[in-house]
Amino acid sequence: MSDEHVNKFRKALEANVSGFGLEPLTENQLDRLAKHYEMMREWNRHVNLTRIVDPKEAARLHYADSLFGASFVGGAKTVLDIGSGAGFPAVPLAVLRPDLAVTALEASHKKSVFLFEAKDALELPNLNIARSRFEEFDWSSFDLLTSRALDRAGDALRPLVKALKHSQRLLLYCGPDLIESLARFAPSTHRIEKHAIPQSDERFVAVFARS
């Protein structure tokens, strides 16, 4: 892995965190996220983790995007990231918030192996990895459920939206079409917040919760 790519990533991430209006990362947090990026780029040569590996694009579209969602975690103590893939938003959330118990749920064997390796390399005791399909996983005990790039998200998340408990919230990184699709199936007791992700015209953090 070229140091040039990692250095570009670090500078771009710091710039985007500032541009998003977020608190600056500590050196330790920046080191861990840069390590994750380095691993992701290396693994991506053999495993299809992501199409976005350019340091500047990854810093904004993967990492700063994920960190922006931390502003809406609220008082949650446990987080389930559904379809975590390369670890977004699970890894940035776990790095930023060591007080959170974050579980990355990923059905793909190869991607889950990457997540286990990343957890160890980044020394994140608050990050857990679960290899399972969402439909077969018991999510009832988590305070916050989140998802960023789930395949067929509309179909997969519709039952979840209907079954949210009063103590739970669903936080999605998505476009307006998915928000509108899920809103049509949300009970009238639900409230929906929509927060525009900085530097994007079509990306939002949407929070579904029971009133």
C-alpha atoms as a PDB file:
ATOM      1  CA  MET A   1       0.000   0.000   0.000  1.00  0.00           C
ATOM      2  CA  SER A   2       1.386   3.358  -0.996  1.00  0.00           C
ATOM      3  CA  ASP A   3       1.933   5.867   1.796  1.00  0.00           C
ATOM      4  CA  GLU A   4       0.838   8.471  -0.720  1.00  0.00           C
ATOM      5  CA  HIS A   5      -2.698   7.073  -0.824  1.00  0.00           C
ATOM      6  CA  VAL A   6      -2.934   6.939   2.973  1.00  0.00           C
ATOM      7  CA  ASN A   7      -1.586  10.470   3.377  1.00  0.00           C
ATOM      8  CA  LYS A   8      -4.065  11.791   0.814  1.00  0.00           C
ATOM      9  CA  PHE A   9      -6.825   9.975   2.637  1.00  0.00           C
ATOM     10  CA  ARG A  10      -5.877  11.426   6.025  1.00  0.00           C
ATOM     11  CA  LYS A  11      -5.776  14.982   4.680  1.00  0.00           C
ATOM     12  CA  ALA A  12      -9.047  14.525   2.807  1.00  0.00           C
ATOM     13  CA  LEU A  13     -10.775  13.035   5.847  1.00  0.00           C
ATOM     14  CA  GLU A  14      -9.674  15.893   8.100  1.00  0.00           C
ATOM     15  CA  ALA A  15     -10.857  18.406   5.504  1.00  0.00           C
ATOM     16  CA  ASN A  16     -14.224  16.697   5.069  1.00  0.00           C
ATOM     17  CA  VAL A  17     -14.821  16.340   8.804  1.00  0.00           C
ATOM     18  CA  SER A  18     -14.281  20.081   9.080  1.00  0.00           C
ATOM     19  CA  GLY A  19     -16.408  20.753   5.986  1.00  0.00           C
ATOM     20  CA  PHE A  20     -19.246  18.677   7.422  1.00  0.00           C
ATOM     21  CA  GLY A  21     -19.170  20.806  10.580  1.00  0.00           C
ATOM     22  CA  LEU A  22     -18.079  17.887  12.776  1.00  0.00           C
ATOM     23  CA  GLU A  23     -15.733  17.892  15.736  1.00  0.00           C
ATOM     24  CA  PRO A  24     -12.087  17.259  14.708  1.00  0.00           C
ATOM     25  CA  LEU A  25     -10.896  13.678  15.010  1.00  0.00           C
ATOM     26  CA  THR A  26      -8.234  12.826  17.552  1.00  0.00           C
ATOM     27  CA  GLU A  27      -4.919  11.511  16.259  1.00  0.00           C
ATOM     28  CA  ASN A  28      -5.850   8.046  17.489  1.00  0.00           C
ATOM     29  CA  GLN A  29      -9.188   8.128  15.674  1.00  0.00           C
ATOM     30  CA  LEU A  30      -7.562   9.372  12.487  1.00  0.00           C
ATOM     31  CA  ASP A  31      -4.910   6.636  12.712  1.00  0.00           C
ATOM     32  CA  ARG A  32      -7.547   3.928  13.094  1.00  0.00           C
ATOM     33  CA  LEU A  33      -9.676   5.135  10.209  1.00  0.00           C
ATOM     34  CA  ALA A  34      -6.603   5.487   7.994  1.00  0.00           C
ATOM     35  CA  LYS A  35      -5.656   1.911   8.911  1.00  0.00           C
ATOM     36  CA  HIS A  36      -9.140   0.737   7.985  1.00  0.00           C
ATOM     37  CA  TYR A  37      -8.899   2.553   4.647  1.00  0.00           C
ATOM     38  CA  GLU A  38      -5.496   0.993   4.006  1.00  0.00           C
ATOM     39  CA  MET A  39      -6.863  -2.495   4.729  1.00  0.00           C
ATOM     40  CA  MET A  40      -9.996  -1.902   2.676  1.00  0.00           C
ATOM     41  CA  ARG A  41      -7.981  -0.783  -0.346  1.00  0.00           C
ATOM     42  CA  GLU A  42      -5.669  -3.790  -0.066  1.00  0.00           C
ATOM     43  CA  TRP A  43      -8.474  -6.332   0.392  1.00  0.00           C
ATOM     44  CA  ASN A  44     -10.457  -4.781  -2.426  1.00  0.00           C
ATOM     45  CA  ARG A  45      -7.924  -6.168  -4.880  1.00  0.00           C
ATOM     46  CA  HIS A  46      -9.263  -9.651  -4.132  1.00  0.00           C
ATOM     47  CA  VAL A  47     -12.688  -9.116  -2.526  1.00  0.00           C
ATOM     48  CA  ASN A  48     -15.355  -6.816  -3.922  1.00  0.00           C
ATOM     49  CA  LEU A  49     -15.777  -4.607  -0.853  1.00  0.00           C
ATOM     50  CA  THR A  50     -16.456  -1.291  -2.581  1.00  0.00           C
ATOM     51  CA  ARG A  51     -16.135   0.490  -5.920  1.00  0.00           C
ATOM     52  CA  ILE A  52     -14.926   3.664  -4.134  1.00  0.00           C
ATOM     53  CA  VAL A  53     -11.239   3.416  -3.242  1.00  0.00           C
ATOM     54  CA  ASP A  54      -9.880   6.788  -4.382  1.00  0.00           C
ATOM     55  CA  PRO A  55      -8.596   8.431  -1.176  1.00  0.00           C
ATOM     56  CA  LYS A  56     -10.487  11.699  -1.588  1.00  0.00           C
ATOM     57  CA  GLU A  57     -13.742  10.060  -2.638  1.00  0.00           C
ATOM     58  CA  ALA A  58     -13.540   7.397   0.073  1.00  0.00           C
ATOM     59  CA  ALA A  59     -12.823  10.006   2.746  1.00  0.00           C
ATOM     60  CA  ARG A  60     -15.983  11.921   1.865  1.00  0.00           C
ATOM     61  CA  LEU A  61     -18.424   9.284   0.631  1.00  0.00           C
ATOM     62  CA  HIS A  62     -17.589   6.484   3.072  1.00  0.00           C
ATOM     63  CA  TYR A  63     -16.003   7.923   6.191  1.00  0.00           C
ATOM     64  CA  ALA A  64     -17.229  11.520   6.632  1.00  0.00           C
ATOM     65  CA  ASP A  65     -20.667  10.364   5.500  1.00  0.00           C
ATOM     66  CA  SER A  66     -20.672   7.656   8.203  1.00  0.00           C
ATOM     67  CA  LEU A  67     -19.346  10.013  10.884  1.00  0.00           C
ATOM     68  CA  PHE A  68     -22.103  12.521  10.123  1.00  0.00           C
ATOM     69  CA  GLY A  69     -24.652   9.961  11.274  1.00  0.00           C
ATOM     70  CA  ALA A  70     -23.099   9.893  14.750  1.00  0.00           C
ATOM     71  CA  SER A  71     -24.772  13.253  15.371  1.00  0.00           C
ATOM     72  CA  PHE A  72     -28.120  11.424  15.500  1.00  0.00           C
ATOM     73  CA  VAL A  73     -27.208   8.418  17.649  1.00  0.00           C
ATOM     74  CA  GLY A  74     -28.718  10.136  20.685  1.00  0.00           C
ATOM     75  CA  GLY A  75     -28.798   8.095  23.864  1.00  0.00           C
ATOM     76  CA  ALA A  76     -28.404   4.706  22.189  1.00  0.00           C
ATOM     77  CA  LYS A  77     -25.989   2.281  23.801  1.00  0.00           C
ATOM     78  CA  THR A  78     -26.232  -0.600  21.325  1.00  0.00           C
ATOM     79  CA  VAL A  79     -26.123  -0.273  17.537  1.00  0.00           C
ATOM     80  CA  LEU A  80     -26.766  -2.858  14.816  1.00  0.00           C
ATOM     81  CA  ASP A  81     -25.371  -2.011  11.367  1.00  0.00           C
ATOM     82  CA  ILE A  82     -27.413  -4.023   8.871  1.00  0.00           C
ATOM     83  CA  GLY A  83     -25.481  -5.134   5.785  1.00  0.00           C
ATOM     84  CA  SER A  84     -22.246  -3.559   6.984  1.00  0.00           C
ATOM     85  CA  GLY A  85     -20.148  -4.559   3.956  1.00  0.00           C
ATOM     86  CA  ALA A  86     -16.687  -3.042   4.378  1.00  0.00           C
ATOM     87  CA  GLY A  87     -17.800  -1.591   7.732  1.00  0.00           C
ATOM     88  CA  PHE A  88     -19.866   1.503   7.007  1.00  0.00           C
ATOM     89  CA  PRO A  89     -21.060   3.049   9.197  1.00  0.00           C
ATOM     90  CA  ALA A  90     -20.108   0.450  11.844  1.00  0.00           C
ATOM     91  CA  VAL A  91     -16.340   1.031  11.896  1.00  0.00           C
ATOM     92  CA  PRO A  92     -16.376   4.857  11.899  1.00  0.00           C
ATOM     93  CA  LEU A  93     -19.085   4.835  14.587  1.00  0.00           C
ATOM     94  CA  ALA A  94     -17.124   2.386  16.738  1.00  0.00           C
ATOM     95  CA  VAL A  95     -13.953   4.455  16.338  1.00  0.00           C
ATOM     96  CA  LEU A  96     -15.687   7.731  17.106  1.00  0.00           C
ATOM     97  CA  ARG A  97     -17.828   6.441  19.980  1.00  0.00           C
ATOM     98  CA  PRO A  98     -16.009   3.885  22.150  1.00  0.00           C
ATOM     99  CA  ASP A  99     -18.980   4.020  24.537  1.00  0.00           C
ATOM    100  CA  LEU A 100     -21.207   2.408  21.896  1.00  0.00           C
ATOM    101  CA  ALA A 101     -21.491  -1.351  21.505  1.00  0.00           C
ATOM    102  CA  VAL A 102     -21.618  -1.659  17.704  1.00  0.00           C
ATOM    103  CA  THR A 103     -22.492  -4.894  15.905  1.00  0.00           C
ATOM    104  CA  ALA A 104     -21.690  -5.167  12.192  1.00  0.00           C
ATOM    105  CA  LEU A 105     -24.145  -7.589  10.595  1.00  0.00           C
ATOM    106  CA  GLU A 106     -22.906  -9.012   7.294  1.00  0.00           C
ATOM    107  CA  ALA A 107     -24.150 -12.086   5.429  1.00  0.00           C
ATOM    108  CA  SER A 108     -21.159 -12.428   3.072  1.00  0.00           C
ATOM    109  CA  HIS A 109     -18.458 -14.752   4.379  1.00  0.00           C
ATOM    110  CA  LYS A 110     -15.615 -12.884   2.673  1.00  0.00           C
ATOM    111  CA  LYS A 111     -16.790  -9.476   3.857  1.00  0.00           C
ATOM    112  CA  SER A 112     -17.322 -10.719   7.397  1.00  0.00           C
ATOM    113  CA  VAL A 113     -13.775 -12.128   7.434  1.00  0.00           C
ATOM    114  CA  PHE A 114     -12.531  -8.675   6.442  1.00  0.00           C
ATOM    115  CA  LEU A 115     -14.531  -7.127   9.283  1.00  0.00           C
ATOM    116  CA  PHE A 116     -13.052  -9.567  11.806  1.00  0.00           C
ATOM    117  CA  GLU A 117      -9.559  -8.709  10.550  1.00  0.00           C
ATOM    118  CA  ALA A 118     -10.303  -4.980  10.742  1.00  0.00           C
ATOM    119  CA  LYS A 119     -11.671  -5.279  14.284  1.00  0.00           C
ATOM    120  CA  ASP A 120      -8.434  -6.927  15.424  1.00  0.00           C
ATOM    121  CA  ALA A 121      -6.123  -4.600  13.503  1.00  0.00           C
ATOM    122  CA  LEU A 122      -7.885  -1.473  14.771  1.00  0.00           C
ATOM    123  CA  GLU A 123      -8.185  -2.861  18.323  1.00  0.00           C
ATOM    124  CA  LEU A 124     -11.894  -2.092  18.653  1.00  0.00           C
ATOM    125  CA  PRO A 125     -13.315  -4.044  21.615  1.00  0.00           C
ATOM    126  CA  ASN A 126     -16.665  -2.259  21.183  1.00  0.00           C
ATOM    127  CA  LEU A 127     -17.105  -3.646  17.642  1.00  0.00           C
ATOM    128  CA  ASN A 128     -18.723  -7.046  17.234  1.00  0.00           C
ATOM    129  CA  ILE A 129     -19.156  -8.965  13.974  1.00  0.00           C
ATOM    130  CA  ALA A 130     -22.167 -11.168  13.205  1.00  0.00           C
ATOM    131  CA  ARG A 131     -22.319 -13.211   9.996  1.00  0.00           C
ATOM    132  CA  SER A 132     -25.980 -13.711   9.221  1.00  0.00           C
ATOM    133  CA  ARG A 133     -28.787 -12.652   6.945  1.00  0.00           C
ATOM    134  CA  PHE A 134     -30.839  -9.883   8.497  1.00  0.00           C
ATOM    135  CA  GLU A 135     -34.037 -11.917   8.081  1.00  0.00           C
ATOM    136  CA  GLU A 136     -32.533 -14.640  10.303  1.00  0.00           C
ATOM    137  CA  PHE A 137     -31.038 -12.325  12.951  1.00  0.00           C
ATOM    138  CA  ASP A 138     -32.693 -11.280  16.213  1.00  0.00           C
ATOM    139  CA  TRP A 139     -32.459  -7.479  16.216  1.00  0.00           C
ATOM    140  CA  SER A 140     -35.048  -6.890  18.928  1.00  0.00           C
ATOM    141  CA  SER A 141     -32.584  -5.931  21.696  1.00  0.00           C
ATOM    142  CA  PHE A 142     -30.729  -3.117  19.875  1.00  0.00           C
ATOM    143  CA  ASP A 143     -31.379   0.542  20.682  1.00  0.00           C
ATOM    144  CA  LEU A 144     -30.423   1.800  17.234  1.00  0.00           C
ATOM    145  CA  LEU A 145     -30.549   0.029  13.875  1.00  0.00           C
ATOM    146  CA  THR A 146     -28.662   1.522  10.977  1.00  0.00           C
ATOM    147  CA  SER A 147     -28.015   0.737   7.343  1.00  0.00           C
ATOM    148  CA  ARG A 148     -26.148   2.463   4.568  1.00  0.00           C
ATOM    149  CA  ALA A 149     -25.921   0.284   1.461  1.00  0.00           C
ATOM    150  CA  LEU A 150     -28.202  -2.705   1.936  1.00  0.00           C
ATOM    151  CA  ASP A 151     -29.233  -4.602  -1.188  1.00  0.00           C
ATOM    152  CA  ARG A 152     -32.973  -4.362  -1.870  1.00  0.00           C
ATOM    153  CA  ALA A 153     -33.240  -2.093   1.167  1.00  0.00           C
ATOM    154  CA  GLY A 154     -36.871  -1.204   0.577  1.00  0.00           C
ATOM    155  CA  ASP A 155     -38.059  -4.815   0.761  1.00  0.00           C
ATOM    156  CA  ALA A 156     -35.656  -5.820   3.525  1.00  0.00           C
ATOM    157  CA  LEU A 157     -36.368  -2.893   5.841  1.00  0.00           C
ATOM    158  CA  ARG A 158     -40.139  -2.635   5.406  1.00  0.00           C
ATOM    159  CA  PRO A 159     -40.930  -5.266   8.099  1.00  0.00           C
ATOM    160  CA  LEU A 160     -38.420  -3.608  10.432  1.00  0.00           C
ATOM    161  CA  VAL A 161     -40.048  -0.188  10.087  1.00  0.00           C
ATOM    162  CA  LYS A 162     -43.426  -1.696  10.943  1.00  0.00           C
ATOM    163  CA  ALA A 163     -42.067  -3.618  13.941  1.00  0.00           C
ATOM    164  CA  LEU A 164     -39.925  -0.928  15.598  1.00  0.00           C
ATOM    165  CA  LYS A 165     -40.372  -0.829  19.348  1.00  0.00           C
ATOM    166  CA  HIS A 166     -40.901   2.395  21.288  1.00  0.00           C
ATOM    167  CA  SER A 167     -37.337   2.126  22.581  1.00  0.00           C
ATOM    168  CA  GLN A 168     -35.796   1.669  19.108  1.00  0.00           C
ATOM    169  CA  ARG A 169     -34.873   3.922  16.203  1.00  0.00           C
ATOM    170  CA  LEU A 170     -33.860   3.182  12.620  1.00  0.00           C
ATOM    171  CA  LEU A 171     -31.160   5.434  11.139  1.00  0.00           C
ATOM    172  CA  LEU A 172     -30.691   5.190   7.381  1.00  0.00           C
ATOM    173  CA  TYR A 173     -28.126   6.743   5.051  1.00  0.00           C
ATOM    174  CA  CYS A 174     -30.083   6.920   1.833  1.00  0.00           C
ATOM    175  CA  GLY A 175     -31.747   8.882  -0.929  1.00  0.00           C
ATOM    176  CA  PRO A 176     -35.242  10.411  -0.907  1.00  0.00           C
ATOM    177  CA  ASP A 177     -36.804   7.525  -2.841  1.00  0.00           C
ATOM    178  CA  LEU A 178     -36.097   5.002  -0.068  1.00  0.00           C
ATOM    179  CA  ILE A 179     -37.364   7.400   2.597  1.00  0.00           C
ATOM    180  CA  GLU A 180     -40.610   7.904   0.690  1.00  0.00           C
ATOM    181  CA  SER A 181     -40.969   4.179   0.025  1.00  0.00           C
ATOM    182  CA  LEU A 182     -40.577   3.237   3.684  1.00  0.00           C
ATOM    183  CA  ALA A 183     -42.696   6.153   4.890  1.00  0.00           C
ATOM    184  CA  ARG A 184     -45.671   4.732   2.983  1.00  0.00           C
ATOM    185  CA  PHE A 185     -45.497   1.575   5.091  1.00  0.00           C
ATOM    186  CA  ALA A 186     -44.679   3.238   8.424  1.00  0.00           C
ATOM    187  CA  PRO A 187     -47.516   3.196  10.966  1.00  0.00           C
ATOM    188  CA  SER A 188     -49.146   6.532  11.766  1.00  0.00           C
ATOM    189  CA  THR A 189     -47.484   6.392  15.187  1.00  0.00           C
ATOM    190  CA  HIS A 190     -44.062   6.851  13.578  1.00  0.00           C
ATOM    191  CA  ARG A 191     -42.170  10.090  13.190  1.00  0.00           C
ATOM    192  CA  ILE A 192     -39.528  10.557  10.508  1.00  0.00           C
ATOM    193  CA  GLU A 193     -36.630  13.004  10.628  1.00  0.00           C
ATOM    194  CA  LYS A 194     -34.648  13.824   7.483  1.00  0.00           C
ATOM    195  CA  HIS A 195     -31.192  15.434   7.653  1.00  0.00           C
ATOM    196  CA  ALA A 196     -29.309  16.384   4.483  1.00  0.00           C
ATOM    197  CA  ILE A 197     -25.753  15.043   4.377  1.00  0.00           C
ATOM    198  CA  PRO A 198     -23.375  17.962   3.731  1.00  0.00           C
ATOM    199  CA  GLN A 199     -21.907  18.321   0.232  1.00  0.00           C
ATOM    200  CA  SER A 200     -24.635  16.107  -1.227  1.00  0.00           C
ATOM    201  CA  ASP A 201     -27.892  16.977  -2.984  1.00  0.00           C
ATOM    202  CA  GLU A 202     -29.424  13.511  -2.847  1.00  0.00           C
ATOM    203  CA  ARG A 203     -28.131  11.878   0.334  1.00  0.00           C
ATOM    204  CA  PHE A 204     -29.834  12.036   3.716  1.00  0.00           C
ATOM    205  CA  VAL A 205     -29.701  10.596   7.180  1.00  0.00           C
ATOM    206  CA  ALA A 206     -33.277   9.578   7.931  1.00  0.00           C
ATOM    207  CA  VAL A 207     -34.386   8.566  11.418  1.00  0.00           C
ATOM    208  CA  PHE A 208     -37.555   6.490  11.912  1.00  0.00           C
ATOM    209  CA  ALA A 209     -38.982   6.202  15.415  1.00  0.00           C
ATOM    210  CA  ARG A 210     -42.269   5.660  17.182  1.00  0.00           C
ATOM    211  CA  SER A 211     -43.825   8.852  18.557  1.00  0.00           C
END
